[in-house]
Every structure is written in structure tokens, then in C-alpha cells.
N, C-alpha and C. Protein backbone atom coordinates (compact mmCIF):
# COMPACT_ATOMS: atom_id res chain seq x y z
N UNK A 1 -1.86 17.72 -19.63
CA UNK A 1 -2.36 19.19 -19.57
C UNK A 1 -1.31 20.23 -19.34
N UNK A 2 -1.22 21.19 -20.15
CA UNK A 2 -0.42 22.27 -19.98
C UNK A 2 -0.99 23.38 -19.09
N UNK A 3 -0.20 24.24 -18.61
CA UNK A 3 -0.56 25.10 -17.60
C UNK A 3 -1.66 26.10 -18.12
N UNK A 4 -1.59 26.48 -19.40
CA UNK A 4 -2.64 27.36 -19.92
C UNK A 4 -3.79 26.82 -20.34
N UNK A 5 -4.17 25.51 -20.15
CA UNK A 5 -5.32 24.76 -20.44
C UNK A 5 -6.25 25.01 -19.22
N UNK A 6 -5.83 25.45 -18.08
CA UNK A 6 -6.60 25.44 -16.88
C UNK A 6 -6.00 24.81 -15.77
N UNK A 7 -6.86 24.90 -14.55
CA UNK A 7 -6.29 24.46 -13.29
C UNK A 7 -6.81 22.85 -13.27
N UNK A 8 -6.04 22.22 -12.35
CA UNK A 8 -6.55 20.91 -11.95
C UNK A 8 -7.31 20.87 -10.74
N UNK A 9 -8.15 19.89 -10.53
CA UNK A 9 -8.99 19.76 -9.34
C UNK A 9 -8.63 18.44 -8.67
N UNK A 10 -9.00 18.42 -7.46
CA UNK A 10 -8.84 17.15 -6.54
C UNK A 10 -10.22 16.70 -6.20
N UNK A 11 -10.34 15.25 -6.48
CA UNK A 11 -11.71 14.63 -6.16
C UNK A 11 -11.75 14.53 -4.62
N UNK A 12 -13.08 14.76 -3.98
CA UNK A 12 -13.13 14.50 -2.78
C UNK A 12 -12.98 13.12 -2.31
N UNK A 13 -12.36 12.89 -1.09
CA UNK A 13 -12.13 11.56 -0.57
C UNK A 13 -13.41 10.87 -0.33
N UNK A 14 -13.52 9.64 -0.83
CA UNK A 14 -14.77 8.82 -0.50
C UNK A 14 -14.39 7.44 -0.17
N UNK A 15 -14.61 7.08 1.07
CA UNK A 15 -14.09 5.86 1.53
C UNK A 15 -14.94 4.54 1.05
N UNK A 16 -16.01 4.81 0.32
CA UNK A 16 -17.01 3.75 -0.02
C UNK A 16 -18.00 3.66 1.01
N UNK A 17 -18.17 4.41 1.98
CA UNK A 17 -19.34 4.26 2.90
C UNK A 17 -19.39 5.50 3.70
N UNK A 18 -20.20 5.49 4.72
CA UNK A 18 -20.29 6.59 5.62
C UNK A 18 -19.17 6.75 6.59
N UNK A 19 -18.98 8.02 7.08
CA UNK A 19 -17.89 8.25 8.03
C UNK A 19 -18.01 7.25 9.28
N UNK A 20 -19.35 7.14 9.64
CA UNK A 20 -19.44 6.22 10.91
C UNK A 20 -18.85 4.81 10.63
N UNK A 21 -19.24 4.33 9.52
CA UNK A 21 -18.76 3.00 9.00
C UNK A 21 -17.37 2.82 8.99
N UNK A 22 -16.70 3.87 8.39
CA UNK A 22 -15.09 3.88 8.41
C UNK A 22 -14.50 3.96 9.76
N UNK A 23 -15.10 4.85 10.51
CA UNK A 23 -14.61 4.99 11.98
C UNK A 23 -14.58 3.72 12.78
N UNK A 24 -15.91 2.99 12.43
CA UNK A 24 -16.15 1.72 13.24
C UNK A 24 -15.05 0.75 12.83
N UNK A 25 -14.78 0.66 11.46
CA UNK A 25 -13.86 -0.21 10.95
C UNK A 25 -12.47 0.16 11.52
N UNK A 26 -12.13 1.19 11.69
CA UNK A 26 -10.84 1.63 12.20
C UNK A 26 -10.77 1.24 13.53
N UNK A 27 -11.94 1.41 14.43
CA UNK A 27 -11.85 0.88 15.82
C UNK A 27 -11.65 -0.60 15.80
N UNK A 28 -12.37 -1.35 14.91
CA UNK A 28 -12.35 -2.70 14.98
C UNK A 28 -10.89 -3.23 14.54
N UNK A 29 -10.17 -2.58 13.77
CA UNK A 29 -8.85 -2.96 13.45
C UNK A 29 -8.13 -2.74 14.62
N UNK A 30 -8.26 -1.49 15.23
CA UNK A 30 -7.34 -1.17 16.34
C UNK A 30 -7.61 -2.01 17.63
N UNK A 31 -8.83 -2.54 17.77
CA UNK A 31 -9.04 -3.57 18.93
C UNK A 31 -8.42 -4.81 18.46
N UNK A 32 -8.39 -5.22 17.08
CA UNK A 32 -7.79 -6.32 16.71
C UNK A 32 -6.18 -6.23 17.12
N UNK A 33 -5.68 -5.24 16.87
CA UNK A 33 -4.13 -4.99 17.18
C UNK A 33 -3.95 -5.22 18.62
N UNK A 34 -4.84 -4.70 19.47
CA UNK A 34 -4.84 -4.91 20.91
C UNK A 34 -4.97 -6.32 21.32
N UNK A 35 -5.94 -6.93 20.58
CA UNK A 35 -6.20 -8.44 20.94
C UNK A 35 -5.14 -9.24 20.58
N UNK A 36 -4.46 -9.09 19.48
CA UNK A 36 -3.24 -9.76 19.01
C UNK A 36 -2.23 -9.66 20.12
N UNK A 37 -1.97 -8.39 20.53
CA UNK A 37 -0.85 -8.05 21.52
C UNK A 37 -1.28 -8.85 22.85
N UNK A 38 -2.44 -8.81 23.25
CA UNK A 38 -2.80 -9.50 24.48
C UNK A 38 -2.82 -10.83 24.36
N UNK A 39 -3.14 -11.48 23.23
CA UNK A 39 -3.05 -12.86 23.01
C UNK A 39 -1.66 -13.39 23.05
N UNK A 40 -0.79 -12.62 22.47
CA UNK A 40 0.51 -13.05 22.44
C UNK A 40 1.26 -13.01 23.96
N UNK A 41 0.73 -12.19 24.86
CA UNK A 41 1.27 -12.10 26.13
C UNK A 41 0.85 -13.19 26.99
N UNK A 42 -0.37 -13.78 26.70
CA UNK A 42 -0.81 -14.97 27.58
C UNK A 42 -0.53 -16.23 26.84
N UNK A 43 -0.17 -16.25 25.61
CA UNK A 43 0.13 -17.58 24.89
C UNK A 43 1.20 -18.32 25.47
N UNK A 44 1.24 -19.54 25.23
CA UNK A 44 2.44 -20.41 25.63
C UNK A 44 3.58 -20.58 24.51
N UNK A 45 3.49 -19.73 23.50
CA UNK A 45 4.58 -19.88 22.54
C UNK A 45 5.88 -19.31 22.91
N UNK A 46 6.93 -19.69 22.32
CA UNK A 46 8.28 -19.13 22.67
C UNK A 46 8.44 -17.62 22.55
N UNK A 47 9.29 -17.09 23.37
CA UNK A 47 9.45 -15.65 23.52
C UNK A 47 9.76 -15.03 22.12
N UNK A 48 10.51 -15.80 21.29
CA UNK A 48 10.91 -15.13 20.06
C UNK A 48 9.78 -15.24 18.95
N UNK A 49 8.84 -16.22 19.11
CA UNK A 49 7.75 -16.19 18.28
C UNK A 49 6.71 -15.19 18.55
N UNK A 50 6.62 -14.83 19.88
CA UNK A 50 5.70 -13.72 20.28
C UNK A 50 6.30 -12.48 19.78
N UNK A 51 7.60 -12.29 19.98
CA UNK A 51 8.22 -11.16 19.43
C UNK A 51 8.02 -10.91 17.91
N UNK A 52 8.22 -11.87 17.23
CA UNK A 52 8.22 -11.87 15.71
C UNK A 52 6.73 -11.44 15.36
N UNK A 53 5.85 -12.23 15.96
CA UNK A 53 4.32 -11.88 15.52
C UNK A 53 4.03 -10.56 16.00
N UNK A 54 4.40 -10.10 17.15
CA UNK A 54 4.22 -8.73 17.60
C UNK A 54 4.74 -7.68 16.86
N UNK A 55 6.07 -7.85 16.35
CA UNK A 55 6.78 -6.77 15.54
C UNK A 55 6.05 -6.74 14.22
N UNK A 56 5.62 -7.93 13.63
CA UNK A 56 5.07 -7.80 12.32
C UNK A 56 3.56 -7.60 12.34
N UNK A 57 2.70 -7.98 13.14
CA UNK A 57 1.30 -7.83 13.02
C UNK A 57 0.85 -6.57 13.60
N UNK A 58 1.26 -6.34 14.90
CA UNK A 58 0.77 -5.15 15.70
C UNK A 58 0.96 -3.89 15.00
N UNK A 59 2.18 -3.41 14.63
CA UNK A 59 2.38 -2.34 13.79
C UNK A 59 1.53 -2.25 12.51
N UNK A 60 1.34 -3.25 11.78
CA UNK A 60 0.60 -3.24 10.56
C UNK A 60 -0.94 -3.00 10.96
N UNK A 61 -1.48 -3.57 11.86
CA UNK A 61 -2.92 -3.33 12.14
C UNK A 61 -2.90 -2.02 12.79
N UNK A 62 -2.13 -1.42 13.48
CA UNK A 62 -2.24 -0.10 14.08
C UNK A 62 -2.23 0.93 12.94
N UNK A 63 -1.23 0.75 11.98
CA UNK A 63 -1.10 1.67 10.79
C UNK A 63 -2.36 1.54 9.88
N UNK A 64 -3.00 0.38 9.64
CA UNK A 64 -4.27 0.31 8.96
C UNK A 64 -5.42 0.97 9.81
N UNK A 65 -5.43 0.95 11.07
CA UNK A 65 -6.43 1.70 11.87
C UNK A 65 -6.37 3.10 11.81
N UNK A 66 -5.09 3.58 11.89
CA UNK A 66 -4.97 5.03 11.77
C UNK A 66 -5.22 5.50 10.43
N UNK A 67 -4.94 4.85 9.42
CA UNK A 67 -5.25 5.19 8.01
C UNK A 67 -6.63 5.18 7.75
N UNK A 68 -7.51 4.21 8.25
CA UNK A 68 -8.84 4.32 8.08
C UNK A 68 -9.54 5.48 8.76
N UNK A 69 -9.03 5.69 10.10
CA UNK A 69 -9.53 6.90 10.72
C UNK A 69 -9.22 8.18 10.12
N UNK A 70 -7.95 8.34 9.59
CA UNK A 70 -7.51 9.48 8.87
C UNK A 70 -8.52 9.75 7.57
N UNK A 71 -8.74 8.72 6.82
CA UNK A 71 -9.44 8.71 5.56
C UNK A 71 -10.92 9.15 5.87
N UNK A 72 -11.38 8.69 7.01
CA UNK A 72 -12.80 9.08 7.29
C UNK A 72 -12.91 10.55 7.70
N UNK A 73 -11.82 11.03 8.44
CA UNK A 73 -11.75 12.42 8.77
C UNK A 73 -11.72 13.23 7.55
N UNK A 74 -10.92 12.89 6.56
CA UNK A 74 -10.74 13.71 5.42
C UNK A 74 -11.95 13.73 4.54
N UNK A 75 -12.64 12.64 4.49
CA UNK A 75 -13.94 12.44 3.74
C UNK A 75 -14.99 13.45 4.36
N UNK A 76 -15.09 13.44 5.76
CA UNK A 76 -15.97 14.33 6.47
C UNK A 76 -15.67 15.67 6.19
N UNK A 77 -14.43 16.08 6.26
CA UNK A 77 -14.01 17.60 6.12
C UNK A 77 -14.37 17.93 4.63
N UNK A 78 -14.09 17.06 3.56
CA UNK A 78 -14.25 17.31 2.11
C UNK A 78 -15.74 17.54 1.93
N UNK A 79 -16.55 16.59 2.34
CA UNK A 79 -18.03 16.82 2.15
C UNK A 79 -18.63 17.93 2.88
N UNK A 80 -18.13 18.32 4.04
CA UNK A 80 -18.68 19.43 4.77
C UNK A 80 -18.26 20.64 3.97
N UNK A 81 -17.12 20.84 3.32
CA UNK A 81 -16.69 21.90 2.61
C UNK A 81 -17.71 22.01 1.45
N UNK A 82 -17.88 20.90 0.63
CA UNK A 82 -18.75 20.86 -0.52
C UNK A 82 -20.17 21.44 -0.09
N UNK A 83 -20.62 20.85 0.99
CA UNK A 83 -22.08 21.11 1.46
C UNK A 83 -22.15 22.75 1.72
N UNK A 84 -21.12 23.19 2.31
CA UNK A 84 -21.07 24.72 2.57
C UNK A 84 -20.87 25.63 1.52
N UNK A 85 -19.87 25.35 0.60
CA UNK A 85 -19.52 26.20 -0.56
C UNK A 85 -19.52 25.77 -1.90
N UNK A 86 -20.06 24.43 -1.91
CA UNK A 86 -20.04 23.85 -3.35
C UNK A 86 -21.01 24.41 -4.23
N UNK A 87 -20.66 24.50 -5.57
CA UNK A 87 -21.47 25.04 -6.70
C UNK A 87 -21.71 23.99 -7.66
N UNK A 88 -22.99 23.95 -8.16
CA UNK A 88 -23.27 22.90 -9.26
C UNK A 88 -22.39 23.18 -10.55
N UNK A 89 -22.06 21.90 -11.12
CA UNK A 89 -21.14 22.20 -12.37
C UNK A 89 -21.55 20.72 -13.15
N UNK A 90 -20.91 20.84 -14.32
CA UNK A 90 -21.07 19.72 -15.18
C UNK A 90 -19.65 19.07 -15.42
N UNK A 91 -19.51 17.79 -15.24
CA UNK A 91 -18.27 17.19 -15.57
C UNK A 91 -18.27 16.31 -16.82
N UNK A 92 -17.52 16.66 -17.90
CA UNK A 92 -17.62 15.90 -19.15
C UNK A 92 -16.35 14.84 -19.06
N UNK A 93 -16.75 13.69 -19.38
CA UNK A 93 -15.77 12.59 -19.44
C UNK A 93 -14.95 12.79 -20.81
N UNK A 94 -13.59 13.18 -20.64
CA UNK A 94 -12.80 13.33 -21.88
C UNK A 94 -11.75 12.16 -22.10
N UNK A 95 -11.55 11.40 -21.20
CA UNK A 95 -10.80 10.13 -21.20
C UNK A 95 -11.25 9.15 -20.26
N UNK A 96 -11.16 7.94 -20.57
CA UNK A 96 -11.62 6.83 -19.67
C UNK A 96 -10.92 5.51 -19.87
N UNK A 97 -10.41 4.93 -18.93
CA UNK A 97 -9.83 3.64 -19.01
C UNK A 97 -10.42 2.74 -17.91
N UNK A 98 -10.79 1.46 -18.33
CA UNK A 98 -11.30 0.40 -17.26
C UNK A 98 -10.30 -0.59 -17.21
N UNK A 99 -9.97 -0.84 -15.77
CA UNK A 99 -9.06 -1.97 -15.47
C UNK A 99 -9.70 -2.83 -14.60
N UNK A 100 -9.00 -3.98 -14.43
CA UNK A 100 -9.59 -5.04 -13.49
C UNK A 100 -8.37 -5.32 -12.56
N UNK A 101 -8.69 -5.25 -11.20
CA UNK A 101 -7.47 -5.68 -10.24
C UNK A 101 -7.61 -6.99 -9.71
N UNK A 102 -8.39 -7.79 -10.53
CA UNK A 102 -8.52 -9.34 -10.14
C UNK A 102 -9.84 -9.53 -9.40
N UNK A 103 -10.44 -8.54 -8.69
CA UNK A 103 -11.62 -8.75 -8.09
C UNK A 103 -12.71 -7.93 -8.66
N UNK A 104 -12.47 -6.76 -9.12
CA UNK A 104 -13.46 -5.91 -9.81
C UNK A 104 -12.90 -4.96 -10.78
N UNK A 105 -13.87 -4.34 -11.62
CA UNK A 105 -13.49 -3.43 -12.53
C UNK A 105 -13.39 -2.02 -11.89
N UNK A 106 -12.34 -1.23 -12.43
CA UNK A 106 -12.21 0.17 -11.96
C UNK A 106 -12.23 1.11 -13.15
N UNK A 107 -12.78 2.22 -13.19
CA UNK A 107 -12.78 3.31 -14.17
C UNK A 107 -11.94 4.40 -13.70
N UNK A 108 -10.97 4.80 -14.55
CA UNK A 108 -10.18 5.95 -14.24
C UNK A 108 -10.61 7.08 -15.38
N UNK A 109 -11.19 8.15 -14.86
CA UNK A 109 -11.68 8.98 -15.94
C UNK A 109 -11.17 10.40 -15.69
N UNK A 110 -10.76 10.91 -16.80
CA UNK A 110 -10.36 12.28 -16.74
C UNK A 110 -11.60 13.36 -17.11
N UNK A 111 -11.78 14.25 -16.40
CA UNK A 111 -12.96 15.00 -16.42
C UNK A 111 -12.85 16.49 -16.81
N UNK A 112 -13.56 17.06 -17.63
CA UNK A 112 -13.41 18.51 -17.89
C UNK A 112 -14.59 19.01 -17.11
N UNK A 113 -14.32 19.90 -16.15
CA UNK A 113 -15.50 20.33 -15.17
C UNK A 113 -15.75 21.82 -15.32
N UNK A 114 -16.90 22.22 -15.55
CA UNK A 114 -17.23 23.76 -15.60
C UNK A 114 -18.69 23.85 -15.20
N UNK A 115 -18.90 25.19 -14.87
CA UNK A 115 -20.20 25.49 -14.57
C UNK A 115 -20.57 27.03 -14.58
N UNK A 116 -21.59 27.39 -14.29
CA UNK A 116 -21.95 29.03 -14.55
C UNK A 116 -21.04 29.83 -13.60
N UNK A 117 -20.78 29.36 -12.46
CA UNK A 117 -19.86 30.18 -11.53
C UNK A 117 -18.55 29.31 -11.21
N UNK A 118 -18.30 28.31 -12.08
CA UNK A 118 -17.00 27.55 -12.05
C UNK A 118 -16.15 27.64 -13.18
N UNK A 119 -15.05 28.24 -13.07
CA UNK A 119 -14.08 28.15 -14.15
C UNK A 119 -13.66 26.73 -14.67
N UNK A 120 -13.53 26.52 -15.88
CA UNK A 120 -13.26 25.29 -16.42
C UNK A 120 -11.85 24.79 -15.84
N UNK A 121 -11.81 23.45 -15.49
CA UNK A 121 -10.47 22.84 -14.97
C UNK A 121 -10.72 21.27 -15.28
N UNK A 122 -9.70 20.62 -15.02
CA UNK A 122 -9.72 19.21 -15.23
C UNK A 122 -9.39 18.48 -14.00
N UNK A 123 -10.01 17.28 -13.84
CA UNK A 123 -9.75 16.43 -12.66
C UNK A 123 -9.80 14.98 -13.08
N UNK A 124 -9.36 14.22 -12.15
CA UNK A 124 -9.28 12.69 -12.35
C UNK A 124 -9.99 12.01 -11.17
N UNK A 125 -10.73 11.04 -11.53
CA UNK A 125 -11.44 10.29 -10.53
C UNK A 125 -11.37 8.79 -10.86
N UNK A 126 -11.32 7.97 -9.76
CA UNK A 126 -11.16 6.49 -9.89
C UNK A 126 -12.34 5.90 -9.17
N UNK A 127 -13.18 5.15 -9.82
CA UNK A 127 -14.39 4.64 -9.23
C UNK A 127 -14.72 3.34 -9.89
N UNK A 128 -15.84 2.70 -9.47
CA UNK A 128 -16.40 1.53 -10.11
C UNK A 128 -17.21 1.95 -11.27
N UNK A 129 -16.93 1.41 -12.48
CA UNK A 129 -17.85 1.87 -13.60
C UNK A 129 -19.26 1.75 -13.45
N UNK A 130 -20.00 2.64 -14.05
CA UNK A 130 -21.47 2.82 -14.06
C UNK A 130 -21.83 2.98 -15.50
N UNK A 131 -23.07 2.41 -15.84
CA UNK A 131 -23.57 2.46 -17.34
C UNK A 131 -23.42 3.99 -17.89
N UNK A 132 -23.63 4.87 -17.08
CA UNK A 132 -23.64 6.43 -17.46
C UNK A 132 -22.37 6.84 -17.70
N UNK A 133 -21.33 6.12 -17.20
CA UNK A 133 -19.97 6.65 -17.39
C UNK A 133 -19.37 6.05 -18.65
N UNK A 134 -19.23 7.05 -19.74
CA UNK A 134 -18.69 6.74 -20.95
C UNK A 134 -18.00 7.92 -21.54
N UNK A 135 -17.22 7.80 -22.55
CA UNK A 135 -16.52 8.92 -23.04
C UNK A 135 -17.65 9.85 -23.66
N UNK A 136 -17.42 11.09 -23.28
CA UNK A 136 -18.44 12.24 -23.80
C UNK A 136 -19.51 12.34 -22.84
N UNK A 137 -19.75 11.51 -21.90
CA UNK A 137 -20.85 11.70 -20.94
C UNK A 137 -20.65 12.97 -20.08
N UNK A 138 -21.79 13.59 -19.75
CA UNK A 138 -21.97 14.73 -18.94
C UNK A 138 -22.66 14.32 -17.61
N UNK A 139 -21.83 14.56 -16.51
CA UNK A 139 -22.30 14.19 -15.30
C UNK A 139 -22.39 15.33 -14.37
N UNK A 140 -23.29 15.27 -13.43
CA UNK A 140 -23.47 16.25 -12.54
C UNK A 140 -22.27 16.15 -11.41
N UNK A 141 -21.97 17.44 -11.22
CA UNK A 141 -20.75 17.47 -10.10
C UNK A 141 -21.16 18.62 -9.13
N UNK A 142 -20.27 18.53 -8.08
CA UNK A 142 -20.36 19.63 -7.03
C UNK A 142 -18.98 20.21 -6.85
N UNK A 143 -18.65 21.53 -7.00
CA UNK A 143 -17.35 21.98 -7.08
C UNK A 143 -17.13 23.06 -5.95
N UNK A 144 -16.03 23.08 -5.13
CA UNK A 144 -15.66 24.19 -4.30
C UNK A 144 -14.72 24.95 -5.20
N UNK A 145 -15.05 26.16 -5.73
CA UNK A 145 -14.18 26.82 -6.59
C UNK A 145 -12.89 27.32 -6.02
N UNK A 146 -12.85 27.46 -4.64
CA UNK A 146 -11.66 27.91 -3.91
C UNK A 146 -10.38 27.22 -4.48
N UNK A 147 -10.56 25.90 -4.45
CA UNK A 147 -9.36 25.03 -4.88
C UNK A 147 -9.69 23.90 -5.82
N UNK A 148 -11.00 24.03 -6.39
CA UNK A 148 -11.47 22.88 -7.29
C UNK A 148 -11.67 21.61 -6.77
N UNK A 149 -11.97 21.45 -5.45
CA UNK A 149 -12.32 20.21 -4.76
C UNK A 149 -13.68 19.85 -5.44
N UNK A 150 -13.81 18.49 -5.95
CA UNK A 150 -15.04 18.19 -6.44
C UNK A 150 -15.52 16.81 -6.13
N UNK A 151 -16.90 16.61 -6.36
CA UNK A 151 -17.38 15.20 -6.29
C UNK A 151 -18.33 15.01 -7.34
N UNK A 152 -18.72 13.75 -7.71
CA UNK A 152 -19.68 13.56 -8.67
C UNK A 152 -20.90 12.82 -7.72
N UNK A 153 -20.73 12.83 -6.43
CA UNK A 153 -21.78 12.29 -5.59
C UNK A 153 -22.54 13.40 -5.09
N UNK A 154 -23.84 13.11 -4.77
CA UNK A 154 -24.66 14.17 -4.27
C UNK A 154 -24.27 14.52 -2.77
N UNK A 155 -24.20 15.85 -2.49
CA UNK A 155 -23.83 16.28 -1.15
C UNK A 155 -24.99 16.66 -0.51
């Protein structure tokens, strides 16, 4: 897309569930990191094995916990903004590819979004494909026109 074709938008963060569920998952992973650390301290394995497992596992679990917590906060902030200042718009699917990651299908869609009070812009979203998602489909969207934050989900 060239600069004179319009602005680009950012899809609102969606973790796949509610903020409470994401925060609970983050706490669960954080507790797991603490549990691994405590287990290593009381286990009877060699000191170097404890150190190796601790150096490898605990930082990874802690990073995963912080990432989940951060994503939940970003989702909460995005949807709060859209509830407060979002305007209705229509998102037309102008390009779509479906890929499989080995477990499930993912649709990557390029959308042309516009509405009565929303200047036209393009955005990209990646989600599980649904029957209504096809090339040329017109989907309901909610947009914050301040910076073109958008979602296809009801707010």
C-alpha cells in the first residue's frame, strides 16, 4: 500500500479469552516458575543439575508469565478505548490467505475499513477462519478514528 492510498490501522489485541482468564493463566505460569525454583532447592539432585534447570526453566516461565500479563493489559486497554470512542464501520476483505500451523487453520486478512465518520484505511488481522470470512465479504467493525485502532469483535 502506498502512502496516498490511505492510512493503516492496528487490530486490537485479543488474547483469545477474557482478561481475567489471561491474568489467571499468567499467575499460574508465574506460580509454576516459583514451584520449579522451590522444587530445585529441596531436591536431592546435583548442584549443577539444579543450576542448569533453574537457569533454563525459571527465566522462560517468568518471561511467559510477564508476556501473558502484558497482553491481558493491552487487550483491556484496547477494548476500553474502543468502548469509549469507537465508531461503527464496515471492513471489506480485500485479500485473504489461509495457512495451517500444524494444529489449526489461520486466516490472514487484509481489510479495507471505512464508515460514515471513519476515513478509509487498511488493516490486517489474523484469526481462525469462519464461514463469513471470504474475499469480498463485508464485516462489521468498530474503529477508534484517532489512530485507526479496530476490531471485528463486538465491544
